[in-house]
Amino acid sequence: MINSFYSEEEINQMGFKSVGKNILISKKASFYSPETICIGNHVRIDDFCILSGNIVLGNYIHISAYCALYGAYGIYMDDFTGLSPRTTIFSATDDFSGDYLIGPMIDKEYTHVIGGKVYIGKYSQIGANGVILPNVTIEEGVAVGALSLVNKSLSAWGIYAGIPVKFIKPRDKGLLVLKRKFLNE
């Protein structure tokens, strides 16, 4: 039988800053600077994901296929959060004003990279093809619809969607009861 996930021993040899238990990481995922990445317990990272920079993943997290997390300024995903396929999180971006050159092969004195930490609060889910820009806080319990651009911080327990993202309606908190049952609390 072919296993498409790394073994626990292989994960421990990858050089992560810290790693919890019950981790599933696809052998087709890519990690740049794993020594700056912390992974909690019960985390699954699927095929063709890219994780780079300062990233902290809490517990019970799923990062679906083709997601990219660029954590130059830091990305923190709290417990019970998830990214649907092809979600991209940027904690840094080039300055596209025309006053600077752009790209990783240009000397830093000719570029202007700007950004800020991205925080995704507990019980939040980002829909497929979502894009999260730098310096954004997504508070607890937020659901972001597919194909949305998150360019501002989002208040707790709301459903948001659009380009740019807009508040749609409140989100039900019934999942908190399910979490307590799931964890036998």
N, C-alpha and C. Protein backbone atom coordinates (compact mmCIF):
# COMPACT_ATOMS: atom_id res chain seq x y z
N MET A 1 0.84 -1.18 0.00
CA MET A 1 0.00 0.00 0.00
C MET A 1 0.89 1.25 0.00
N ILE A 2 0.57 2.19 -0.87
CA ILE A 2 1.33 3.43 -0.96
C ILE A 2 0.70 4.46 -0.04
N ASN A 3 1.51 5.09 0.79
CA ASN A 3 1.02 6.13 1.68
C ASN A 3 1.49 7.48 1.15
N SER A 4 0.55 8.37 0.88
CA SER A 4 0.90 9.67 0.31
C SER A 4 1.27 10.69 1.38
N PHE A 5 1.22 10.29 2.66
CA PHE A 5 1.59 11.19 3.75
C PHE A 5 2.93 10.76 4.35
N TYR A 6 3.68 11.74 4.85
CA TYR A 6 4.93 11.44 5.53
C TYR A 6 4.65 10.66 6.81
N SER A 7 5.58 9.82 7.21
CA SER A 7 5.48 9.12 8.49
C SER A 7 5.84 10.10 9.61
N GLU A 8 5.50 9.74 10.83
CA GLU A 8 5.84 10.58 11.99
C GLU A 8 7.35 10.82 12.05
N GLU A 9 8.12 9.79 11.79
CA GLU A 9 9.58 9.92 11.81
C GLU A 9 10.06 10.89 10.73
N GLU A 10 9.50 10.79 9.54
CA GLU A 10 9.88 11.71 8.46
C GLU A 10 9.52 13.15 8.81
N ILE A 11 8.35 13.36 9.41
CA ILE A 11 7.93 14.71 9.81
C ILE A 11 8.91 15.27 10.84
N ASN A 12 9.29 14.45 11.80
CA ASN A 12 10.22 14.91 12.84
C ASN A 12 11.60 15.25 12.28
N GLN A 13 11.95 14.69 11.14
CA GLN A 13 13.25 14.97 10.51
C GLN A 13 13.21 16.18 9.57
N MET A 14 12.04 16.76 9.35
CA MET A 14 11.92 17.87 8.40
C MET A 14 12.43 19.19 8.96
N GLY A 15 12.64 19.27 10.28
CA GLY A 15 13.24 20.46 10.86
C GLY A 15 12.27 21.55 11.28
N PHE A 16 11.00 21.20 11.54
CA PHE A 16 10.04 22.20 12.00
C PHE A 16 10.45 22.73 13.37
N LYS A 17 10.04 23.97 13.65
CA LYS A 17 10.31 24.58 14.96
C LYS A 17 9.67 23.75 16.06
N SER A 18 8.42 23.31 15.83
CA SER A 18 7.76 22.38 16.74
C SER A 18 6.68 21.64 15.98
N VAL A 19 6.39 20.43 16.47
CA VAL A 19 5.40 19.57 15.81
C VAL A 19 4.63 18.81 16.88
N GLY A 20 3.30 18.76 16.73
CA GLY A 20 2.46 18.04 17.67
C GLY A 20 2.29 16.59 17.26
N LYS A 21 1.18 16.01 17.68
CA LYS A 21 0.91 14.61 17.36
C LYS A 21 -0.26 14.51 16.40
N ASN A 22 -0.38 13.34 15.79
CA ASN A 22 -1.43 13.05 14.82
C ASN A 22 -1.43 14.07 13.68
N ILE A 23 -0.31 14.15 12.99
CA ILE A 23 -0.10 15.09 11.89
C ILE A 23 -0.11 14.30 10.58
N LEU A 24 -0.83 14.81 9.60
CA LEU A 24 -0.81 14.25 8.25
C LEU A 24 -0.31 15.34 7.30
N ILE A 25 0.84 15.10 6.70
CA ILE A 25 1.42 16.05 5.75
C ILE A 25 1.68 15.31 4.44
N SER A 26 1.09 15.80 3.38
CA SER A 26 1.28 15.20 2.07
C SER A 26 2.74 15.26 1.65
N LYS A 27 3.19 14.20 1.01
CA LYS A 27 4.55 14.18 0.47
C LYS A 27 4.69 15.14 -0.71
N LYS A 28 3.57 15.70 -1.17
CA LYS A 28 3.60 16.65 -2.29
C LYS A 28 3.50 18.09 -1.81
N ALA A 29 3.51 18.33 -0.50
CA ALA A 29 3.51 19.69 0.04
C ALA A 29 4.95 20.20 0.10
N SER A 30 5.12 21.52 0.02
CA SER A 30 6.45 22.13 0.06
C SER A 30 6.57 23.07 1.24
N PHE A 31 7.72 23.02 1.92
CA PHE A 31 7.98 23.86 3.08
C PHE A 31 9.30 24.59 2.88
N TYR A 32 9.25 25.91 3.02
CA TYR A 32 10.45 26.72 2.95
C TYR A 32 10.68 27.30 4.34
N SER A 33 11.87 27.21 4.83
CA SER A 33 12.23 27.61 6.20
C SER A 33 11.37 26.89 7.24
N PRO A 34 11.37 25.55 7.24
CA PRO A 34 10.54 24.81 8.21
C PRO A 34 10.91 25.12 9.66
N GLU A 35 12.12 25.60 9.88
CA GLU A 35 12.55 25.93 11.25
C GLU A 35 11.78 27.12 11.84
N THR A 36 10.97 27.79 11.03
CA THR A 36 10.15 28.91 11.51
C THR A 36 8.66 28.53 11.56
N ILE A 37 8.35 27.25 11.36
CA ILE A 37 6.95 26.79 11.30
C ILE A 37 6.64 25.90 12.49
N CYS A 38 5.56 26.24 13.22
CA CYS A 38 5.08 25.44 14.36
C CYS A 38 3.76 24.78 13.97
N ILE A 39 3.68 23.48 14.21
CA ILE A 39 2.47 22.73 13.86
C ILE A 39 1.92 22.08 15.13
N GLY A 40 0.65 22.33 15.43
CA GLY A 40 0.00 21.77 16.61
C GLY A 40 -0.41 20.33 16.41
N ASN A 41 -1.40 19.89 17.16
CA ASN A 41 -1.91 18.52 17.11
C ASN A 41 -3.08 18.41 16.14
N HIS A 42 -3.21 17.24 15.52
CA HIS A 42 -4.35 16.94 14.65
C HIS A 42 -4.43 17.92 13.48
N VAL A 43 -3.34 18.02 12.75
CA VAL A 43 -3.25 18.94 11.61
C VAL A 43 -3.04 18.12 10.35
N ARG A 44 -3.77 18.49 9.29
CA ARG A 44 -3.61 17.84 7.99
C ARG A 44 -3.29 18.91 6.94
N ILE A 45 -2.23 18.65 6.17
CA ILE A 45 -1.81 19.54 5.09
C ILE A 45 -1.79 18.70 3.82
N ASP A 46 -2.62 19.05 2.85
CA ASP A 46 -2.83 18.25 1.65
C ASP A 46 -1.84 18.57 0.52
N ASP A 47 -2.04 17.89 -0.60
CA ASP A 47 -1.15 17.99 -1.77
C ASP A 47 -1.00 19.42 -2.28
N PHE A 48 0.21 19.69 -2.75
CA PHE A 48 0.56 20.91 -3.49
C PHE A 48 0.40 22.19 -2.69
N CYS A 49 0.50 22.10 -1.38
CA CYS A 49 0.49 23.30 -0.54
C CYS A 49 1.91 23.83 -0.40
N ILE A 50 2.01 25.14 -0.24
CA ILE A 50 3.29 25.81 0.00
C ILE A 50 3.17 26.56 1.31
N LEU A 51 4.08 26.29 2.24
CA LEU A 51 4.15 27.03 3.50
C LEU A 51 5.54 27.60 3.64
N SER A 52 5.62 28.91 3.83
CA SER A 52 6.91 29.60 3.87
C SER A 52 6.86 30.71 4.92
N GLY A 53 7.91 30.81 5.71
CA GLY A 53 8.00 31.92 6.66
C GLY A 53 7.52 31.55 8.04
N ASN A 54 7.16 32.57 8.80
CA ASN A 54 6.76 32.44 10.21
C ASN A 54 5.28 32.05 10.28
N ILE A 55 5.04 30.77 10.54
CA ILE A 55 3.68 30.24 10.54
C ILE A 55 3.46 29.43 11.81
N VAL A 56 2.32 29.68 12.47
CA VAL A 56 1.91 28.88 13.63
C VAL A 56 0.55 28.30 13.32
N LEU A 57 0.46 26.97 13.37
CA LEU A 57 -0.80 26.26 13.16
C LEU A 57 -1.22 25.66 14.49
N GLY A 58 -2.42 25.98 14.94
CA GLY A 58 -2.94 25.44 16.19
C GLY A 58 -3.34 23.98 16.04
N ASN A 59 -4.40 23.59 16.73
CA ASN A 59 -4.87 22.20 16.75
C ASN A 59 -6.13 22.03 15.90
N TYR A 60 -6.30 20.85 15.35
CA TYR A 60 -7.47 20.50 14.53
C TYR A 60 -7.61 21.47 13.35
N ILE A 61 -6.60 21.47 12.52
CA ILE A 61 -6.55 22.36 11.36
C ILE A 61 -6.44 21.52 10.10
N HIS A 62 -7.15 21.95 9.05
CA HIS A 62 -7.03 21.32 7.74
C HIS A 62 -6.68 22.39 6.72
N ILE A 63 -5.59 22.14 6.01
CA ILE A 63 -5.18 23.01 4.90
C ILE A 63 -5.33 22.18 3.63
N SER A 64 -6.34 22.52 2.84
CA SER A 64 -6.69 21.74 1.65
C SER A 64 -5.67 21.93 0.52
N ALA A 65 -5.83 21.14 -0.50
CA ALA A 65 -4.90 21.12 -1.64
C ALA A 65 -4.73 22.49 -2.28
N TYR A 66 -3.52 22.73 -2.73
CA TYR A 66 -3.14 23.92 -3.49
C TYR A 66 -3.18 25.22 -2.69
N CYS A 67 -3.17 25.16 -1.38
CA CYS A 67 -3.12 26.40 -0.59
C CYS A 67 -1.69 26.90 -0.48
N ALA A 68 -1.55 28.21 -0.32
CA ALA A 68 -0.23 28.82 -0.15
C ALA A 68 -0.28 29.78 1.02
N LEU A 69 0.67 29.63 1.96
CA LEU A 69 0.79 30.51 3.12
C LEU A 69 2.17 31.15 3.07
N TYR A 70 2.19 32.46 2.83
CA TYR A 70 3.44 33.22 2.74
C TYR A 70 3.58 34.05 4.00
N GLY A 71 4.36 33.56 4.95
CA GLY A 71 4.40 34.12 6.29
C GLY A 71 5.58 34.99 6.64
N ALA A 72 6.05 35.82 5.74
CA ALA A 72 7.20 36.69 6.03
C ALA A 72 6.99 37.52 7.29
N TYR A 73 5.79 38.05 7.49
CA TYR A 73 5.47 38.87 8.66
C TYR A 73 4.67 38.08 9.70
N GLY A 74 4.37 36.83 9.42
CA GLY A 74 3.70 35.96 10.37
C GLY A 74 2.26 35.63 10.01
N ILE A 75 1.93 34.35 10.14
CA ILE A 75 0.57 33.85 9.97
C ILE A 75 0.28 32.96 11.17
N TYR A 76 -0.87 33.19 11.81
CA TYR A 76 -1.30 32.37 12.94
C TYR A 76 -2.70 31.87 12.67
N MET A 77 -2.85 30.53 12.61
CA MET A 77 -4.16 29.91 12.48
C MET A 77 -4.49 29.24 13.81
N ASP A 78 -5.56 29.70 14.46
CA ASP A 78 -5.95 29.17 15.75
C ASP A 78 -6.69 27.83 15.57
N ASP A 79 -7.07 27.20 16.67
CA ASP A 79 -7.68 25.87 16.68
C ASP A 79 -8.98 25.82 15.88
N PHE A 80 -9.22 24.65 15.28
CA PHE A 80 -10.44 24.35 14.53
C PHE A 80 -10.66 25.30 13.36
N THR A 81 -9.58 25.66 12.67
CA THR A 81 -9.70 26.51 11.49
C THR A 81 -9.36 25.70 10.25
N GLY A 82 -9.75 26.22 9.09
CA GLY A 82 -9.46 25.50 7.87
C GLY A 82 -9.39 26.41 6.67
N LEU A 83 -8.63 25.94 5.69
CA LEU A 83 -8.50 26.62 4.41
C LEU A 83 -9.00 25.67 3.33
N SER A 84 -9.98 26.10 2.57
CA SER A 84 -10.48 25.31 1.45
C SER A 84 -9.48 25.39 0.29
N PRO A 85 -9.63 24.52 -0.72
CA PRO A 85 -8.63 24.46 -1.80
C PRO A 85 -8.34 25.82 -2.44
N ARG A 86 -7.06 25.99 -2.76
CA ARG A 86 -6.52 27.14 -3.50
C ARG A 86 -6.60 28.47 -2.74
N THR A 87 -6.72 28.41 -1.44
CA THR A 87 -6.67 29.64 -0.63
C THR A 87 -5.22 30.11 -0.55
N THR A 88 -5.03 31.42 -0.61
CA THR A 88 -3.69 32.00 -0.49
C THR A 88 -3.71 33.07 0.59
N ILE A 89 -2.72 32.98 1.49
CA ILE A 89 -2.57 33.97 2.55
C ILE A 89 -1.23 34.68 2.36
N PHE A 90 -1.28 36.01 2.27
CA PHE A 90 -0.09 36.83 2.14
C PHE A 90 0.09 37.66 3.42
N SER A 91 1.23 37.52 4.09
CA SER A 91 1.51 38.43 5.20
C SER A 91 2.44 39.55 4.74
N ALA A 92 2.89 39.48 3.51
CA ALA A 92 3.74 40.53 2.93
C ALA A 92 3.41 40.66 1.45
N THR A 93 3.66 41.85 0.93
CA THR A 93 3.45 42.09 -0.50
C THR A 93 4.43 43.15 -0.98
N ASP A 94 4.76 43.07 -2.24
CA ASP A 94 5.58 44.11 -2.84
C ASP A 94 4.77 45.39 -2.98
N ASP A 95 5.45 46.51 -3.05
CA ASP A 95 4.84 47.81 -3.31
C ASP A 95 4.72 47.94 -4.83
N PHE A 96 3.49 47.94 -5.34
CA PHE A 96 3.24 47.97 -6.78
C PHE A 96 3.02 49.38 -7.31
N SER A 97 3.41 50.41 -6.55
CA SER A 97 3.15 51.80 -6.92
C SER A 97 3.91 52.23 -8.18
N GLY A 98 4.99 51.54 -8.49
CA GLY A 98 5.84 51.95 -9.61
C GLY A 98 7.11 52.62 -9.14
N ASP A 99 7.23 52.88 -7.84
CA ASP A 99 8.42 53.52 -7.29
C ASP A 99 9.53 52.53 -6.97
N TYR A 100 9.24 51.24 -7.07
CA TYR A 100 10.19 50.20 -6.70
C TYR A 100 10.17 49.07 -7.71
N LEU A 101 11.26 48.31 -7.74
CA LEU A 101 11.29 47.08 -8.52
C LEU A 101 10.62 45.98 -7.68
N ILE A 102 10.22 44.93 -8.34
CA ILE A 102 9.45 43.88 -7.68
C ILE A 102 10.08 42.52 -7.95
N GLY A 103 10.16 41.69 -6.91
CA GLY A 103 10.56 40.31 -7.08
C GLY A 103 11.68 39.87 -6.16
N PRO A 104 11.75 38.57 -5.93
CA PRO A 104 12.73 38.03 -4.99
C PRO A 104 14.17 38.04 -5.51
N MET A 105 14.36 38.28 -6.79
CA MET A 105 15.71 38.28 -7.35
C MET A 105 16.32 39.70 -7.41
N ILE A 106 15.59 40.68 -6.92
CA ILE A 106 16.04 42.07 -6.91
C ILE A 106 16.63 42.39 -5.54
N ASP A 107 17.76 43.11 -5.51
CA ASP A 107 18.35 43.53 -4.23
C ASP A 107 17.34 44.34 -3.43
N LYS A 108 17.32 44.11 -2.11
CA LYS A 108 16.33 44.73 -1.23
C LYS A 108 16.34 46.26 -1.29
N GLU A 109 17.47 46.86 -1.61
CA GLU A 109 17.52 48.32 -1.65
C GLU A 109 16.68 48.91 -2.79
N TYR A 110 16.28 48.07 -3.74
CA TYR A 110 15.46 48.53 -4.87
C TYR A 110 13.99 48.11 -4.77
N THR A 111 13.66 47.40 -3.69
CA THR A 111 12.28 46.94 -3.50
C THR A 111 11.69 47.57 -2.24
N HIS A 112 10.41 47.42 -2.07
CA HIS A 112 9.73 47.89 -0.86
C HIS A 112 8.64 46.88 -0.51
N VAL A 113 9.01 45.94 0.35
CA VAL A 113 8.06 44.92 0.79
C VAL A 113 7.35 45.43 2.03
N ILE A 114 6.02 45.36 2.01
CA ILE A 114 5.21 45.83 3.12
C ILE A 114 4.32 44.69 3.59
N GLY A 115 3.82 44.79 4.82
CA GLY A 115 2.93 43.74 5.28
C GLY A 115 2.65 43.81 6.76
N GLY A 116 2.08 42.74 7.26
CA GLY A 116 1.74 42.61 8.66
C GLY A 116 1.17 41.24 8.92
N LYS A 117 1.15 40.86 10.18
CA LYS A 117 0.71 39.53 10.59
C LYS A 117 -0.74 39.27 10.18
N VAL A 118 -1.01 38.03 9.83
CA VAL A 118 -2.38 37.57 9.55
C VAL A 118 -2.77 36.61 10.67
N TYR A 119 -3.92 36.88 11.28
CA TYR A 119 -4.43 36.03 12.35
C TYR A 119 -5.80 35.50 11.95
N ILE A 120 -5.97 34.17 12.06
CA ILE A 120 -7.26 33.54 11.79
C ILE A 120 -7.73 32.91 13.10
N GLY A 121 -8.84 33.43 13.63
CA GLY A 121 -9.35 33.01 14.93
C GLY A 121 -10.02 31.64 14.92
N LYS A 122 -10.17 31.08 16.10
CA LYS A 122 -10.78 29.76 16.28
C LYS A 122 -12.09 29.63 15.50
N TYR A 123 -12.33 28.45 14.99
CA TYR A 123 -13.57 28.04 14.32
C TYR A 123 -13.83 28.78 13.01
N SER A 124 -12.81 29.38 12.45
CA SER A 124 -12.99 30.12 11.19
C SER A 124 -12.64 29.24 10.01
N GLN A 125 -13.32 29.48 8.90
CA GLN A 125 -13.11 28.71 7.68
C GLN A 125 -13.04 29.67 6.51
N ILE A 126 -12.05 29.47 5.65
CA ILE A 126 -11.89 30.29 4.45
C ILE A 126 -12.29 29.45 3.25
N GLY A 127 -13.21 29.95 2.43
CA GLY A 127 -13.71 29.22 1.27
C GLY A 127 -12.71 29.11 0.14
N ALA A 128 -12.99 28.23 -0.80
CA ALA A 128 -12.10 27.94 -1.92
C ALA A 128 -11.72 29.20 -2.69
N ASN A 129 -10.46 29.26 -3.08
CA ASN A 129 -9.90 30.37 -3.86
C ASN A 129 -9.96 31.70 -3.12
N GLY A 130 -10.03 31.66 -1.81
CA GLY A 130 -9.98 32.89 -1.02
C GLY A 130 -8.58 33.46 -1.02
N VAL A 131 -8.49 34.78 -0.95
CA VAL A 131 -7.20 35.47 -0.84
C VAL A 131 -7.27 36.36 0.38
N ILE A 132 -6.27 36.22 1.26
CA ILE A 132 -6.17 37.04 2.45
C ILE A 132 -4.92 37.89 2.32
N LEU A 133 -5.09 39.21 2.42
CA LEU A 133 -3.99 40.15 2.29
C LEU A 133 -3.34 40.42 3.65
N PRO A 134 -2.17 41.05 3.66
CA PRO A 134 -1.43 41.27 4.91
C PRO A 134 -2.17 42.14 5.92
N ASN A 135 -1.74 41.95 7.19
CA ASN A 135 -2.17 42.79 8.29
C ASN A 135 -3.68 42.69 8.54
N VAL A 136 -4.19 41.46 8.53
CA VAL A 136 -5.63 41.21 8.69
C VAL A 136 -5.84 40.30 9.89
N THR A 137 -6.87 40.62 10.68
CA THR A 137 -7.33 39.75 11.76
C THR A 137 -8.72 39.25 11.42
N ILE A 138 -8.84 37.94 11.37
CA ILE A 138 -10.14 37.30 11.17
C ILE A 138 -10.52 36.74 12.53
N GLU A 139 -11.50 37.36 13.16
CA GLU A 139 -11.86 36.98 14.53
C GLU A 139 -12.54 35.61 14.58
N GLU A 140 -12.78 35.12 15.79
CA GLU A 140 -13.35 33.80 16.05
C GLU A 140 -14.66 33.59 15.29
N GLY A 141 -14.80 32.38 14.73
CA GLY A 141 -16.07 31.93 14.17
C GLY A 141 -16.46 32.49 12.82
N VAL A 142 -15.53 33.05 12.10
CA VAL A 142 -15.83 33.67 10.81
C VAL A 142 -15.84 32.62 9.70
N ALA A 143 -16.78 32.74 8.78
CA ALA A 143 -16.79 31.94 7.56
C ALA A 143 -16.67 32.91 6.38
N VAL A 144 -15.71 32.63 5.51
CA VAL A 144 -15.48 33.47 4.33
C VAL A 144 -15.87 32.64 3.11
N GLY A 145 -16.74 33.19 2.27
CA GLY A 145 -17.21 32.49 1.08
C GLY A 145 -16.13 32.29 0.03
N ALA A 146 -16.39 31.36 -0.87
CA ALA A 146 -15.46 31.07 -1.97
C ALA A 146 -15.24 32.32 -2.82
N LEU A 147 -14.04 32.39 -3.40
CA LEU A 147 -13.66 33.47 -4.32
C LEU A 147 -13.71 34.85 -3.67
N SER A 148 -13.41 34.94 -2.38
CA SER A 148 -13.46 36.22 -1.67
C SER A 148 -12.06 36.79 -1.49
N LEU A 149 -11.99 38.12 -1.44
CA LEU A 149 -10.76 38.86 -1.18
C LEU A 149 -10.89 39.52 0.18
N VAL A 150 -10.08 39.05 1.13
CA VAL A 150 -10.11 39.61 2.48
C VAL A 150 -9.00 40.65 2.58
N ASN A 151 -9.39 41.93 2.53
CA ASN A 151 -8.44 43.02 2.57
C ASN A 151 -8.60 43.89 3.82
N LYS A 152 -9.41 43.41 4.78
CA LYS A 152 -9.63 44.13 6.03
C LYS A 152 -9.94 43.10 7.11
N SER A 153 -9.84 43.52 8.36
CA SER A 153 -10.14 42.63 9.47
C SER A 153 -11.64 42.35 9.54
N LEU A 154 -12.00 41.14 10.01
CA LEU A 154 -13.39 40.70 10.05
C LEU A 154 -13.82 40.42 11.48
N SER A 155 -15.02 40.88 11.84
CA SER A 155 -15.55 40.71 13.19
C SER A 155 -16.05 39.29 13.42
N ALA A 156 -16.05 38.90 14.69
CA ALA A 156 -16.38 37.53 15.10
C ALA A 156 -17.79 37.09 14.67
N TRP A 157 -17.91 35.81 14.42
CA TRP A 157 -19.15 35.10 14.15
C TRP A 157 -19.98 35.75 13.05
N GLY A 158 -19.31 36.04 11.96
CA GLY A 158 -19.99 36.54 10.78
C GLY A 158 -19.68 35.71 9.56
N ILE A 159 -20.55 35.78 8.58
CA ILE A 159 -20.31 35.18 7.27
C ILE A 159 -20.04 36.33 6.32
N TYR A 160 -18.94 36.22 5.59
CA TYR A 160 -18.48 37.28 4.70
C TYR A 160 -18.22 36.69 3.32
N ALA A 161 -18.37 37.50 2.28
CA ALA A 161 -18.07 37.04 0.92
C ALA A 161 -17.90 38.26 0.02
N GLY A 162 -17.24 38.03 -1.10
CA GLY A 162 -17.15 39.06 -2.13
C GLY A 162 -15.74 39.56 -2.38
N ILE A 163 -15.67 40.46 -3.39
CA ILE A 163 -14.41 41.09 -3.79
C ILE A 163 -14.64 42.59 -3.84
N PRO A 164 -14.21 43.35 -2.82
CA PRO A 164 -13.66 42.87 -1.56
C PRO A 164 -14.75 42.29 -0.67
N VAL A 165 -14.32 41.59 0.36
CA VAL A 165 -15.24 40.89 1.25
C VAL A 165 -16.18 41.87 1.95
N LYS A 166 -17.45 41.43 2.10
CA LYS A 166 -18.47 42.22 2.79
C LYS A 166 -19.22 41.29 3.75
N PHE A 167 -19.74 41.88 4.81
CA PHE A 167 -20.54 41.13 5.78
C PHE A 167 -21.84 40.69 5.11
N ILE A 168 -22.17 39.39 5.25
CA ILE A 168 -23.41 38.86 4.67
C ILE A 168 -24.47 38.69 5.76
N LYS A 169 -24.11 37.95 6.83
CA LYS A 169 -25.05 37.72 7.92
C LYS A 169 -24.30 37.10 9.10
N PRO A 170 -24.93 37.04 10.28
CA PRO A 170 -24.29 36.39 11.43
C PRO A 170 -24.14 34.88 11.18
N ARG A 171 -23.17 34.29 11.83
CA ARG A 171 -22.95 32.85 11.74
C ARG A 171 -23.42 32.19 13.03
N ASP A 172 -24.10 31.05 12.91
CA ASP A 172 -24.59 30.29 14.05
C ASP A 172 -23.41 29.75 14.86
N LYS A 173 -23.59 29.65 16.17
CA LYS A 173 -22.54 29.15 17.06
C LYS A 173 -22.76 27.69 17.48
N GLY A 174 -23.64 26.98 16.78
CA GLY A 174 -23.93 25.59 17.11
C GLY A 174 -22.71 24.69 17.09
N LEU A 175 -21.72 25.03 16.33
CA LEU A 175 -20.51 24.20 16.25
C LEU A 175 -19.77 24.15 17.58
N LEU A 176 -20.00 25.12 18.46
CA LEU A 176 -19.35 25.09 19.78
C LEU A 176 -19.86 23.92 20.61
N VAL A 177 -21.15 23.59 20.49
CA VAL A 177 -21.72 22.42 21.18
C VAL A 177 -21.09 21.15 20.61
N LEU A 178 -20.98 21.08 19.29
CA LEU A 178 -20.36 19.91 18.66
C LEU A 178 -18.91 19.74 19.10
N LYS A 179 -18.18 20.83 19.22
CA LYS A 179 -16.78 20.75 19.65
C LYS A 179 -16.68 20.17 21.05
N ARG A 180 -17.57 20.61 21.96
CA ARG A 180 -17.54 20.09 23.33
C ARG A 180 -17.83 18.58 23.34
N LYS A 181 -18.78 18.13 22.53
CA LYS A 181 -19.08 16.70 22.43
C LYS A 181 -17.89 15.95 21.83
N PHE A 182 -17.31 16.50 20.78
CA PHE A 182 -16.17 15.88 20.10
C PHE A 182 -15.00 15.69 21.06
N LEU A 183 -14.75 16.68 21.90
CA LEU A 183 -13.62 16.62 22.84
C LEU A 183 -14.01 16.05 24.20
N ASN A 184 -15.27 15.60 24.32
CA ASN A 184 -15.78 15.05 25.59
C ASN A 184 -15.60 16.02 26.76
N GLU A 185 -15.93 17.28 26.52
CA GLU A 185 -15.78 18.29 27.59
C GLU A 185 -17.04 18.38 28.42
